């Protein structure tokens, strides 16, 4: 079964962006950074956001989400440390 959103009317010239387009880096402070600096900044942001989300999930007793958020935070931390240690972009 496929889930489809509402169809834009023919009158709509500028349909609302998809969630992916809305999350793009085109109009963010990250877009002005070099690729390596952008990767580091995004990894740092994700790491801190995962900490906050984990606390919320833990308070709500959502144990599986706590586990996944821990894994995401750990991966972000690894990427940050790798970037800082090697001093080059991580791919």
N, C-alpha and C. Protein backbone atom coordinates (compact mmCIF):
# COMPACT_ATOMS: atom_id res chain seq x y z
N UNK A 1 0.85 -1.18 0.00
CA UNK A 1 0.00 0.00 0.00
C UNK A 1 0.89 1.23 0.00
N UNK A 2 0.62 2.14 -0.88
CA UNK A 2 1.41 3.35 -0.98
C UNK A 2 0.67 4.50 -0.33
N UNK A 3 1.41 5.28 0.44
CA UNK A 3 0.82 6.45 1.06
C UNK A 3 1.14 7.65 0.20
N UNK A 4 0.14 8.39 -0.14
CA UNK A 4 0.35 9.56 -0.98
C UNK A 4 -0.20 10.78 -0.27
N UNK A 5 0.50 11.86 -0.45
CA UNK A 5 0.05 13.12 0.13
C UNK A 5 -0.99 13.77 -0.74
N UNK A 6 -1.47 14.92 -0.33
CA UNK A 6 -2.47 15.61 -1.14
C UNK A 6 -1.86 16.07 -2.46
N UNK A 7 -2.65 15.99 -3.48
CA UNK A 7 -2.19 16.45 -4.78
C UNK A 7 -2.26 17.96 -4.84
N UNK A 8 -1.21 18.60 -5.38
CA UNK A 8 -1.27 20.06 -5.51
C UNK A 8 -2.31 20.42 -6.56
N UNK A 9 -3.04 21.46 -6.31
CA UNK A 9 -4.03 21.90 -7.30
C UNK A 9 -3.30 22.52 -8.48
N UNK A 10 -4.01 22.62 -9.57
CA UNK A 10 -3.40 23.21 -10.76
C UNK A 10 -3.13 24.69 -10.57
N UNK A 11 -3.81 25.31 -9.63
CA UNK A 11 -3.62 26.73 -9.37
C UNK A 11 -2.31 26.99 -8.62
N UNK A 12 -1.78 25.98 -7.95
CA UNK A 12 -0.58 26.15 -7.13
C UNK A 12 0.65 26.20 -8.02
N UNK A 13 1.34 27.32 -7.95
CA UNK A 13 2.56 27.45 -8.74
C UNK A 13 3.78 27.02 -7.94
N UNK A 14 3.78 27.25 -6.65
CA UNK A 14 4.89 26.89 -5.78
C UNK A 14 4.41 25.93 -4.70
N UNK A 15 4.39 24.63 -5.01
CA UNK A 15 3.92 23.67 -4.00
C UNK A 15 4.88 23.66 -2.81
N UNK A 16 4.37 23.27 -1.66
CA UNK A 16 5.21 23.24 -0.47
C UNK A 16 6.33 22.22 -0.67
N UNK A 17 7.50 22.49 -0.09
CA UNK A 17 8.63 21.59 -0.29
C UNK A 17 8.41 20.27 0.43
N UNK A 18 9.03 19.23 -0.11
CA UNK A 18 8.98 17.93 0.56
C UNK A 18 9.80 18.03 1.84
N UNK A 19 9.63 17.10 2.78
CA UNK A 19 10.44 17.14 4.00
C UNK A 19 11.94 17.13 3.70
N UNK A 20 12.35 16.40 2.66
CA UNK A 20 13.77 16.35 2.31
C UNK A 20 14.25 17.71 1.82
N UNK A 21 13.47 18.35 0.98
CA UNK A 21 13.84 19.68 0.48
C UNK A 21 13.87 20.70 1.60
N UNK A 22 12.92 20.60 2.51
CA UNK A 22 12.87 21.55 3.62
C UNK A 22 14.09 21.40 4.52
N UNK A 23 14.67 20.20 4.58
CA UNK A 23 15.81 19.95 5.45
C UNK A 23 17.14 20.16 4.73
N UNK A 24 17.11 20.65 3.51
CA UNK A 24 18.36 20.83 2.77
C UNK A 24 19.20 21.94 3.39
N UNK A 25 20.47 21.95 3.05
CA UNK A 25 21.40 22.90 3.63
C UNK A 25 21.55 24.17 2.81
N UNK A 26 20.77 24.34 1.78
CA UNK A 26 20.93 25.49 0.89
C UNK A 26 20.85 26.83 1.61
N UNK A 27 19.94 26.96 2.53
CA UNK A 27 19.72 28.26 3.16
C UNK A 27 20.06 28.24 4.65
N UNK A 28 21.04 27.47 5.03
CA UNK A 28 21.43 27.39 6.43
C UNK A 28 22.84 27.92 6.61
N UNK A 29 23.23 28.23 7.84
CA UNK A 29 24.62 28.65 8.07
C UNK A 29 25.62 27.59 7.63
N UNK A 30 25.22 26.31 7.64
CA UNK A 30 26.12 25.24 7.23
C UNK A 30 26.52 25.36 5.77
N UNK A 31 25.64 25.93 4.93
CA UNK A 31 25.91 25.99 3.49
C UNK A 31 27.10 26.88 3.15
N UNK A 32 27.50 27.76 4.06
CA UNK A 32 28.61 28.67 3.78
C UNK A 32 29.96 28.08 4.18
N UNK A 33 29.95 26.91 4.80
CA UNK A 33 31.19 26.30 5.27
C UNK A 33 31.80 25.41 4.20
N UNK A 34 33.09 25.14 4.34
CA UNK A 34 33.73 24.17 3.44
C UNK A 34 33.12 22.80 3.73
N UNK A 35 33.37 21.87 2.85
CA UNK A 35 32.81 20.53 3.02
C UNK A 35 33.23 19.91 4.35
N UNK A 36 34.52 20.00 4.67
CA UNK A 36 35.02 19.41 5.92
C UNK A 36 34.42 20.11 7.14
N UNK A 37 34.36 21.43 7.10
CA UNK A 37 33.79 22.19 8.21
C UNK A 37 32.30 21.92 8.34
N UNK A 38 31.64 21.76 7.21
CA UNK A 38 30.20 21.45 7.21
C UNK A 38 29.96 20.08 7.85
N UNK A 39 30.77 19.11 7.49
CA UNK A 39 30.63 17.77 8.06
C UNK A 39 30.83 17.80 9.56
N UNK A 40 31.85 18.51 10.00
CA UNK A 40 32.12 18.61 11.43
C UNK A 40 30.97 19.31 12.16
N UNK A 41 30.50 20.41 11.63
CA UNK A 41 29.43 21.17 12.27
C UNK A 41 28.14 20.35 12.35
N UNK A 42 27.82 19.64 11.30
CA UNK A 42 26.61 18.82 11.29
C UNK A 42 26.74 17.66 12.28
N UNK A 43 27.90 17.01 12.30
CA UNK A 43 28.11 15.92 13.25
C UNK A 43 28.01 16.41 14.69
N UNK A 44 28.55 17.59 14.98
CA UNK A 44 28.45 18.15 16.33
C UNK A 44 27.00 18.47 16.69
N UNK A 45 26.26 19.00 15.74
CA UNK A 45 24.86 19.31 15.97
C UNK A 45 24.06 18.03 16.25
N UNK A 46 24.28 17.02 15.43
CA UNK A 46 23.57 15.75 15.59
C UNK A 46 23.91 15.13 16.94
N UNK A 47 25.17 15.18 17.32
CA UNK A 47 25.58 14.63 18.61
C UNK A 47 24.81 15.29 19.76
N UNK A 48 24.77 16.62 19.77
CA UNK A 48 24.09 17.32 20.86
C UNK A 48 22.57 17.10 20.82
N UNK A 49 22.01 17.02 19.63
CA UNK A 49 20.58 16.81 19.50
C UNK A 49 20.19 15.42 19.97
N UNK A 50 21.04 14.44 19.68
CA UNK A 50 20.78 13.06 20.12
C UNK A 50 20.76 12.97 21.65
N UNK A 51 21.62 13.74 22.31
CA UNK A 51 21.63 13.75 23.77
C UNK A 51 20.28 14.22 24.30
N UNK A 52 19.76 15.31 23.73
CA UNK A 52 18.47 15.85 24.16
C UNK A 52 17.33 14.88 23.86
N UNK A 53 17.33 14.32 22.66
CA UNK A 53 16.28 13.38 22.29
C UNK A 53 16.32 12.13 23.16
N UNK A 54 17.54 11.67 23.50
CA UNK A 54 17.69 10.50 24.34
C UNK A 54 17.08 10.73 25.72
N UNK A 55 17.31 11.91 26.28
CA UNK A 55 16.73 12.22 27.59
C UNK A 55 15.20 12.20 27.53
N UNK A 56 14.65 12.71 26.44
CA UNK A 56 13.19 12.69 26.29
C UNK A 56 12.68 11.26 26.16
N UNK A 57 13.36 10.46 25.34
CA UNK A 57 12.95 9.07 25.14
C UNK A 57 13.08 8.28 26.43
N UNK A 58 14.13 8.53 27.18
CA UNK A 58 14.33 7.82 28.44
C UNK A 58 13.24 8.19 29.45
N UNK A 59 12.89 9.47 29.53
CA UNK A 59 11.83 9.91 30.44
C UNK A 59 10.49 9.27 30.08
N UNK A 60 10.27 9.02 28.79
CA UNK A 60 9.02 8.41 28.33
C UNK A 60 9.10 6.89 28.31
N UNK A 61 10.22 6.34 28.79
CA UNK A 61 10.43 4.88 28.83
C UNK A 61 10.32 4.23 27.45
N UNK A 62 10.91 4.90 26.46
CA UNK A 62 10.97 4.38 25.09
C UNK A 62 12.35 3.76 24.88
N UNK A 63 12.52 2.57 25.45
CA UNK A 63 13.84 1.95 25.53
C UNK A 63 14.51 1.70 24.17
N UNK A 64 13.74 1.29 23.19
CA UNK A 64 14.33 1.03 21.88
C UNK A 64 14.84 2.33 21.26
N UNK A 65 14.08 3.40 21.38
CA UNK A 65 14.54 4.68 20.87
C UNK A 65 15.79 5.15 21.61
N UNK A 66 15.84 4.92 22.91
CA UNK A 66 17.03 5.28 23.69
C UNK A 66 18.25 4.59 23.09
N UNK A 67 18.12 3.32 22.78
CA UNK A 67 19.23 2.55 22.21
C UNK A 67 19.67 3.12 20.87
N UNK A 68 18.71 3.39 19.99
CA UNK A 68 19.06 3.92 18.67
C UNK A 68 19.67 5.32 18.76
N UNK A 69 19.15 6.14 19.65
CA UNK A 69 19.71 7.48 19.81
C UNK A 69 21.12 7.42 20.39
N UNK A 70 21.36 6.45 21.28
CA UNK A 70 22.73 6.24 21.79
C UNK A 70 23.67 5.87 20.65
N UNK A 71 23.20 4.97 19.78
CA UNK A 71 24.05 4.55 18.66
C UNK A 71 24.34 5.73 17.72
N UNK A 72 23.33 6.55 17.45
CA UNK A 72 23.53 7.72 16.59
C UNK A 72 24.50 8.70 17.22
N UNK A 73 24.37 8.92 18.53
CA UNK A 73 25.27 9.84 19.23
C UNK A 73 26.69 9.31 19.21
N UNK A 74 26.86 8.02 19.45
CA UNK A 74 28.20 7.42 19.43
C UNK A 74 28.82 7.55 18.04
N UNK A 75 28.05 7.29 17.00
CA UNK A 75 28.57 7.42 15.64
C UNK A 75 28.97 8.86 15.34
N UNK A 76 28.15 9.81 15.76
CA UNK A 76 28.49 11.22 15.55
C UNK A 76 29.78 11.57 16.30
N UNK A 77 29.94 11.06 17.51
CA UNK A 77 31.15 11.31 18.30
C UNK A 77 32.38 10.72 17.61
N UNK A 78 32.24 9.52 17.08
CA UNK A 78 33.34 8.88 16.36
C UNK A 78 33.74 9.73 15.15
N UNK A 79 32.76 10.21 14.41
CA UNK A 79 33.04 11.04 13.24
C UNK A 79 33.75 12.34 13.64
N UNK A 80 33.30 12.95 14.73
CA UNK A 80 33.92 14.19 15.21
C UNK A 80 35.36 13.95 15.61
N UNK A 81 35.59 12.90 16.40
CA UNK A 81 36.96 12.59 16.84
C UNK A 81 37.86 12.23 15.67
N UNK A 82 37.32 11.48 14.73
CA UNK A 82 38.09 11.12 13.54
C UNK A 82 38.47 12.36 12.75
N UNK A 83 37.52 13.25 12.59
CA UNK A 83 37.77 14.48 11.84
C UNK A 83 38.84 15.33 12.53
N UNK A 84 38.73 15.47 13.83
CA UNK A 84 39.67 16.30 14.57
C UNK A 84 41.05 15.66 14.63
N UNK A 85 41.11 14.35 14.75
CA UNK A 85 42.39 13.65 14.83
C UNK A 85 43.12 13.68 13.50
N UNK A 86 42.41 13.39 12.45
CA UNK A 86 43.04 13.33 11.14
C UNK A 86 43.14 14.69 10.47
N UNK A 87 42.29 15.61 10.88
CA UNK A 87 42.31 16.95 10.31
C UNK A 87 41.91 17.00 8.86
N UNK A 88 41.12 16.04 8.42
CA UNK A 88 40.67 16.06 7.04
C UNK A 88 39.22 15.60 6.97
N UNK A 89 38.56 15.83 5.83
CA UNK A 89 37.16 15.46 5.72
C UNK A 89 36.95 13.96 5.91
N UNK A 90 35.83 13.59 6.45
CA UNK A 90 35.49 12.19 6.58
C UNK A 90 34.42 11.85 5.59
N UNK A 91 34.57 10.73 4.93
CA UNK A 91 33.61 10.30 3.92
C UNK A 91 33.02 8.97 4.24
